[in-house]
Every structure is written in C-alpha cells, then in structure tokens.
Amino acid sequence: MRHGRARNAALSLFGLIALAGAAPAYQSFLGKAKKFGARDCLFCHKYEDGGEGWNERGQWLIDEKARRNAEKIDIEWLADYKPREGDRTDKDKEEKPKPPSR
C-alpha cells in the first residue's frame, strides 16, 4: 500500500512539473501578442484555453513558420498579418452595447 501512494505522489508531482513548464511559454505568447490586440487565447486559437485548434490567425502563424523555415513561431510576424473581411478581430473592434446601469 505504501508503494502505491509513493508512486501516485511521484506521478502527480511529475505531472505538475510538466504542466508548469508549458504554461509560462503560452503566457509569453499572449503577452507579446497583446500589442497586436490579443486579449486571450482566442486571438489565435479556437478554444479559450488555447491548445490544438487554431483560427485563421493561428493557422497563418503556422503557415508562416513553414514558409520562413523557422524553428518556432515569432509573434512579431503578426505585424504582417492581414485578416480577411469579417474575421473575429473586426467584430471585436466594434463597440459592444453596454448593459444598463443600475
């Protein structure tokens, strides 16, 4: 029984360390993308928590990485990105109606 608990504790610790290493990298992307209008992961991803599944902008970054034969994506490439008409960013820039104040 003791070995099972120790193994579970070790696996849990390993999992936390693995996940903790990934989070700062994505936060770094988001921080750099803020100057291009990013507010959350939906700026490039289809899902709020990021991960696999990219919108038009995210797919463009992936395509740019291949086109430039780059080892990793450089967020500064977003300076060259031109969204299609009707892209999510166009809708985000519109004034949204504010709820009535109480």
Protein backbone atom coordinates (compact mmCIF):
# COMPACT_ATOMS: atom_id res chain seq x y z
CA MET A 1 0.00 0.00 0.00
CA ARG A 2 2.82 2.42 0.83
CA HIS A 3 4.50 1.86 -2.53
CA GLY A 4 1.26 2.70 -4.32
CA ARG A 5 0.93 6.01 -2.51
CA ALA A 6 4.55 6.92 -3.16
CA ARG A 7 4.17 6.06 -6.84
CA ASN A 8 0.97 8.12 -7.12
CA ALA A 9 2.61 11.06 -5.37
CA ALA A 10 5.63 10.86 -7.68
CA LEU A 11 3.43 10.69 -10.78
CA SER A 12 1.36 13.63 -9.57
CA LEU A 13 4.47 15.69 -8.90
CA PHE A 14 5.88 14.81 -12.31
CA GLY A 15 2.60 15.85 -13.96
CA LEU A 16 2.54 19.19 -12.15
CA ILE A 17 6.13 19.93 -13.14
CA ALA A 18 5.40 19.05 -16.77
CA LEU A 19 2.33 21.28 -16.88
CA ALA A 20 4.00 24.15 -15.06
CA GLY A 21 6.74 24.28 -17.68
CA ALA A 22 4.25 24.70 -20.53
CA ALA A 23 2.11 27.47 -19.02
CA PRO A 24 4.74 30.24 -18.98
CA ALA A 25 5.55 29.66 -22.66
CA TYR A 26 1.95 30.26 -23.69
CA GLN A 27 1.62 33.23 -21.37
CA SER A 28 4.72 34.63 -23.05
CA PHE A 29 2.99 34.32 -26.45
CA LEU A 30 -0.10 36.06 -25.12
CA GLY A 31 1.94 38.83 -23.52
CA LYS A 32 3.77 39.52 -26.77
CA ALA A 33 0.56 39.33 -28.83
CA LYS A 34 -1.19 41.97 -26.69
CA LYS A 35 0.44 44.75 -28.71
CA PHE A 36 -1.34 43.30 -31.74
CA GLY A 37 -4.71 43.36 -29.97
CA ALA A 38 -4.77 39.98 -28.20
CA ARG A 39 -6.87 39.75 -25.05
CA ASP A 40 -6.93 35.99 -24.63
CA CYS A 41 -6.02 32.73 -26.35
CA LEU A 42 -8.94 33.16 -28.77
CA PHE A 43 -6.77 35.66 -30.64
CA CYS A 44 -5.10 32.69 -32.38
CA HIS A 45 -6.94 29.61 -31.07
CA LYS A 46 -10.47 28.26 -31.44
CA TYR A 47 -10.73 27.46 -27.74
CA GLU A 48 -10.40 29.73 -24.71
CA ASP A 49 -7.73 27.57 -23.10
CA GLY A 50 -5.56 27.51 -26.25
CA GLY A 51 -4.20 24.13 -27.24
CA GLU A 52 -4.84 22.50 -30.58
CA GLY A 53 -7.38 24.11 -32.86
CA TRP A 54 -6.39 27.38 -34.46
CA ASN A 55 -8.43 30.12 -36.03
CA GLU A 56 -7.41 31.90 -39.23
CA ARG A 57 -4.71 33.96 -37.48
CA GLY A 58 -3.24 30.96 -35.68
CA GLN A 59 -3.17 28.92 -38.88
CA TRP A 60 -1.49 31.86 -40.63
CA LEU A 61 1.26 31.84 -37.99
CA ILE A 62 1.76 28.10 -38.51
CA ASP A 63 1.94 28.62 -42.28
CA GLU A 64 4.42 31.49 -41.80
CA LYS A 65 6.64 29.26 -39.68
CA ALA A 66 6.77 26.74 -42.54
CA ARG A 67 7.21 29.43 -45.21
CA ARG A 68 10.11 31.01 -43.32
CA ASN A 69 11.64 27.62 -42.45
CA ALA A 70 11.66 28.83 -38.84
CA GLU A 71 12.26 26.62 -35.83
CA LYS A 72 9.48 28.31 -33.84
CA ILE A 73 6.76 30.90 -34.29
CA ASP A 74 7.71 34.53 -33.78
CA ILE A 75 4.77 36.61 -32.53
CA GLU A 76 6.27 39.68 -34.23
CA TRP A 77 5.16 38.17 -37.56
CA LEU A 78 1.66 39.32 -36.61
CA ALA A 79 2.72 42.77 -37.83
CA ASP A 80 2.42 41.32 -41.36
CA TYR A 81 -0.92 39.55 -40.82
CA LYS A 82 -3.88 40.87 -42.78
CA PRO A 83 -7.22 39.47 -41.55
CA ARG A 84 -9.91 38.59 -44.05
CA GLU A 85 -13.00 40.75 -44.02
CA GLY A 86 -15.37 39.58 -41.28
CA ASP A 87 -12.60 37.99 -39.19
CA ARG A 88 -13.20 37.88 -35.41
CA THR A 89 -10.90 40.87 -34.86
CA ASP A 90 -13.15 43.08 -36.98
CA LYS A 91 -16.11 42.17 -34.78
CA ASP A 92 -14.09 42.74 -31.60
CA LYS A 93 -13.26 46.30 -32.63
CA GLU A 94 -16.93 47.24 -32.89
CA GLU A 95 -18.44 48.95 -29.89
CA LYS A 96 -20.47 46.46 -27.94
CA PRO A 97 -23.62 47.75 -26.26
CA LYS A 98 -23.12 48.31 -22.57
CA PRO A 99 -25.65 46.86 -20.14
CA PRO A 100 -27.90 49.43 -18.49
CA SER A 101 -26.50 50.76 -15.23
CA ARG A 102 -28.49 50.22 -12.07
